[in-house]
Amino acid sequence: MTSVRHNTGHGASGAAPTNDAVLDAARDCVLAVGVRRTTLTDIARRAEVSRMTLYRRWPDVRTIVGDLMTREWLALAASVLEADPSGDARSRLVQTLVRGTVAFRAHPLLRKILEVDPELLLPYLLTRTGASQEAFLDLIEDALEHGHTDGSIRPGSTPLQARALLLVVQGFALSLPTMAGEGDLSPAAFDAELRRILDRTLAP
């Protein structure tokens, strides 16, 4: 699977350090009090920049948080992709998707948003895809093409297969707490079931 091909943030490359400082500050604020209670003033103070600097790049807190989520999710994807690749394309894709789902579910930013600001995720689940989802689709499509080539993944429409896979893993990443319990319903049991679902879905 190739590296993530999307850029994040609104500023030019020369402004990246400032953008990172702002996004770091936004992350600290959101982890502390949630999105709704975070203000541009709070972020500017933590980032040690003026409010006007923020206004020139981001019109509101939600726009900053959108860029923050994109940065964090793509960094998570990159860390998962750094794992040692082994086996055929299908086994690598399944392993990557399961590992990524587990890591995403445990991400502190996602956990905080689900706890206090879950409505922030609704647009990305109900009405449109976000930048990170588009990047994930790129990665999944690339892996699927390798699987079609080596014969380990059944033939089919690459875009359709990629979107179907993303729908599956999003459910396991975001909705698992509504289904998990003790014993046979533990998170680990669901992760094993996800692995079986993905492998059998992709098998020729």
Protein backbone atom coordinates (compact mmCIF):
# COMPACT_ATOMS: atom_id res chain seq x y z
CA MET A 1 0.00 0.00 0.00
CA THR A 2 1.31 3.44 -0.89
CA SER A 3 1.72 6.46 1.33
CA VAL A 4 -1.12 8.87 2.04
CA ARG A 5 -1.42 11.27 -0.86
CA HIS A 6 -3.58 14.04 0.61
CA ASN A 7 -2.29 17.23 2.22
CA THR A 8 -3.92 18.78 5.26
CA GLY A 9 -4.49 22.30 6.45
CA HIS A 10 -5.39 25.54 4.74
CA GLY A 11 -2.02 27.30 4.75
CA ALA A 12 0.85 27.11 2.30
CA SER A 13 3.76 24.78 2.97
CA GLY A 14 5.85 27.61 4.36
CA ALA A 15 3.24 28.16 7.07
CA ALA A 16 3.16 24.51 8.13
CA PRO A 17 4.89 25.02 11.51
CA THR A 18 2.28 27.61 12.48
CA ASN A 19 -0.50 25.35 11.25
CA ASP A 20 0.86 22.48 13.33
CA ALA A 21 1.07 24.71 16.39
CA VAL A 22 -2.56 25.74 15.92
CA LEU A 23 -3.73 22.17 15.38
CA ASP A 24 -1.74 21.00 18.41
CA ALA A 25 -3.40 23.72 20.47
CA ALA A 26 -6.82 22.77 19.12
CA ARG A 27 -6.19 19.13 20.03
CA ASP A 28 -5.26 20.09 23.59
CA CYS A 29 -8.39 22.22 23.93
CA VAL A 30 -10.71 19.57 22.53
CA LEU A 31 -9.22 16.84 24.71
CA ALA A 32 -9.68 19.09 27.73
CA VAL A 33 -13.22 20.42 27.24
CA GLY A 34 -14.64 19.15 23.95
CA VAL A 35 -15.39 20.99 20.72
CA ARG A 36 -18.44 22.98 21.79
CA ARG A 37 -16.64 24.51 24.76
CA THR A 38 -13.51 25.36 22.78
CA THR A 39 -13.21 28.90 21.41
CA LEU A 40 -10.89 30.49 18.87
CA THR A 41 -9.53 32.59 21.72
CA ASP A 42 -8.62 29.43 23.65
CA ILE A 43 -6.83 27.98 20.65
CA ALA A 44 -5.00 31.22 19.85
CA ARG A 45 -3.81 31.51 23.44
CA ARG A 46 -2.48 27.95 23.54
CA ALA A 47 -0.85 28.31 20.12
CA GLU A 48 0.61 31.70 21.08
CA VAL A 49 -0.73 33.36 17.95
CA SER A 50 -3.18 36.21 17.46
CA ARG A 51 -6.85 35.60 16.83
CA MET A 52 -6.49 37.42 13.52
CA THR A 53 -3.94 34.81 12.44
CA LEU A 54 -6.57 32.16 13.05
CA TYR A 55 -9.36 34.09 11.33
CA ARG A 56 -7.24 34.46 8.20
CA ARG A 57 -7.00 30.67 7.86
CA TRP A 58 -10.01 29.23 9.66
CA PRO A 59 -13.41 30.93 10.01
CA ASP A 60 -14.46 28.98 13.10
CA VAL A 61 -13.52 26.28 15.58
CA ARG A 62 -15.23 23.50 13.63
CA THR A 63 -13.10 24.22 10.57
CA ILE A 64 -9.96 23.95 12.67
CA VAL A 65 -11.23 20.73 14.23
CA GLY A 66 -11.98 19.38 10.75
CA ASP A 67 -8.35 19.96 9.76
CA LEU A 68 -7.24 18.50 13.08
CA MET A 69 -9.23 15.31 12.53
CA THR A 70 -7.80 14.97 9.03
CA ARG A 71 -4.26 15.34 10.32
CA GLU A 72 -4.76 12.91 13.19
CA TRP A 73 -6.54 10.23 11.15
CA LEU A 74 -3.97 10.36 8.34
CA ALA A 75 -1.12 10.15 10.85
CA LEU A 76 -2.80 7.09 12.33
CA ALA A 77 -3.12 5.55 8.86
CA ALA A 78 0.56 6.22 8.18
CA SER A 79 1.56 4.54 11.44
CA VAL A 80 -0.49 1.46 10.58
CA LEU A 81 1.05 1.27 7.11
CA GLU A 82 4.54 1.27 8.61
CA ALA A 83 3.95 -2.22 10.00
CA ASP A 84 5.98 -5.05 8.47
CA PRO A 85 4.25 -6.20 5.27
CA SER A 86 4.02 -9.95 4.80
CA GLY A 87 1.84 -12.39 2.92
CA ASP A 88 -0.26 -11.74 -0.16
CA ALA A 89 -2.12 -8.52 -0.89
CA ARG A 90 -5.37 -9.75 0.67
CA SER A 91 -3.78 -10.73 3.98
CA ARG A 92 -1.90 -7.43 4.11
CA LEU A 93 -5.05 -5.43 3.42
CA VAL A 94 -7.09 -7.34 6.00
CA GLN A 95 -4.36 -6.94 8.60
CA THR A 96 -4.06 -3.22 7.88
CA LEU A 97 -7.81 -2.62 8.06
CA VAL A 98 -8.22 -4.51 11.33
CA ARG A 99 -5.17 -2.87 12.90
CA GLY A 100 -6.36 0.54 11.74
CA THR A 101 -9.87 -0.03 13.07
CA VAL A 102 -8.56 -0.97 16.51
CA ALA A 103 -6.18 2.02 16.60
CA PHE A 104 -8.85 4.44 15.36
CA ARG A 105 -11.33 3.24 17.98
CA ALA A 106 -8.76 3.86 20.72
CA HIS A 107 -7.63 7.28 19.46
CA PRO A 108 -8.02 9.87 22.26
CA LEU A 109 -9.46 12.52 19.93
CA LEU A 110 -12.11 10.19 18.55
CA ARG A 111 -13.02 8.97 22.03
CA LYS A 112 -13.45 12.55 23.25
CA ILE A 113 -15.57 13.54 20.26
CA LEU A 114 -17.79 10.48 20.65
CA GLU A 115 -18.14 11.23 24.35
CA VAL A 116 -19.12 14.90 24.19
CA ASP A 117 -19.55 16.02 20.54
CA PRO A 118 -20.75 13.00 18.53
CA GLU A 119 -22.82 15.18 16.20
CA LEU A 120 -19.54 16.47 14.75
CA LEU A 121 -19.11 13.16 12.93
CA LEU A 122 -22.62 12.97 11.45
CA PRO A 123 -21.86 14.82 8.18
CA TYR A 124 -19.11 12.29 7.42
CA LEU A 125 -21.45 9.38 8.11
CA LEU A 126 -24.67 10.62 6.52
CA THR A 127 -24.07 13.27 3.85
CA ARG A 128 -20.51 13.45 2.51
CA THR A 129 -17.01 12.04 2.67
CA GLY A 130 -14.25 13.95 4.40
CA ALA A 131 -10.64 14.44 3.32
CA SER A 132 -9.41 11.59 5.49
CA GLN A 133 -12.07 9.23 4.12
CA GLU A 134 -11.02 10.10 0.57
CA ALA A 135 -7.41 9.37 1.51
CA PHE A 136 -8.41 6.05 3.08
CA LEU A 137 -10.24 5.14 -0.13
CA ASP A 138 -7.09 5.90 -2.13
CA LEU A 139 -5.10 3.55 0.09
CA ILE A 140 -7.69 0.79 0.00
CA GLU A 141 -8.06 1.03 -3.79
CA ASP A 142 -4.30 0.78 -4.19
CA ALA A 143 -4.22 -2.36 -2.04
CA LEU A 144 -7.17 -3.86 -3.92
CA GLU A 145 -5.41 -3.34 -7.24
CA HIS A 146 -2.39 -5.23 -5.91
CA GLY A 147 -4.73 -8.01 -4.82
CA HIS A 148 -6.39 -8.16 -8.21
CA THR A 149 -2.95 -8.43 -9.78
CA ASP A 150 -1.63 -11.22 -7.55
CA GLY A 151 -4.98 -13.05 -7.60
CA SER A 152 -5.52 -13.00 -3.84
CA ILE A 153 -8.56 -10.68 -4.06
CA ARG A 154 -11.62 -11.54 -6.15
CA PRO A 155 -12.13 -9.50 -9.32
CA GLY A 156 -14.54 -6.60 -9.12
CA SER A 157 -14.98 -2.86 -9.28
CA THR A 158 -12.12 -1.39 -7.27
CA PRO A 159 -13.99 1.80 -6.25
CA LEU A 160 -17.06 -0.24 -5.22
CA GLN A 161 -15.02 -2.73 -3.22
CA ALA A 162 -13.08 0.06 -1.50
CA ARG A 163 -16.23 1.89 -0.47
CA ALA A 164 -17.87 -1.28 0.78
CA LEU A 165 -14.81 -2.06 2.90
CA LEU A 166 -14.74 1.45 4.35
CA LEU A 167 -18.43 1.19 5.28
CA VAL A 168 -17.73 -2.06 7.12
CA VAL A 169 -14.72 -0.83 9.09
CA GLN A 170 -16.43 2.48 9.95
CA GLY A 171 -19.20 0.51 11.64
CA PHE A 172 -16.75 -1.57 13.65
CA ALA A 173 -14.74 1.53 14.58
CA LEU A 174 -17.59 3.81 15.63
CA SER A 175 -20.48 1.58 16.72
CA LEU A 176 -18.75 -1.28 18.52
CA PRO A 177 -19.58 0.06 22.03
CA THR A 178 -23.29 -0.34 21.24
CA MET A 179 -22.82 -4.06 20.57
CA ALA A 180 -19.87 -5.22 22.68
CA GLY A 181 -20.19 -6.87 26.05
CA GLU A 182 -18.54 -9.65 28.01
CA GLY A 183 -17.36 -13.09 26.98
CA ASP A 184 -18.17 -13.84 23.35
CA LEU A 185 -19.11 -10.18 22.82
CA SER A 186 -15.76 -8.69 23.84
CA PRO A 187 -14.09 -6.09 21.59
CA ALA A 188 -11.38 -8.64 20.79
CA ALA A 189 -14.02 -11.12 19.64
CA PHE A 190 -15.53 -8.50 17.35
CA ASP A 191 -12.08 -7.67 15.96
CA ALA A 192 -11.57 -11.35 15.14
CA GLU A 193 -15.00 -11.41 13.49
CA LEU A 194 -14.08 -8.33 11.47
CA ARG A 195 -10.97 -10.12 10.26
CA ARG A 196 -13.06 -13.10 9.11
CA ILE A 197 -15.64 -10.88 7.40
CA LEU A 198 -12.99 -8.96 5.50
CA ASP A 199 -11.02 -12.04 4.50
CA ARG A 200 -14.07 -13.93 3.24
CA THR A 201 -15.44 -10.86 1.48
CA LEU A 202 -12.21 -10.40 -0.45
CA ALA A 203 -11.37 -14.05 -1.14
CA PRO A 204 -11.63 -15.16 -4.79
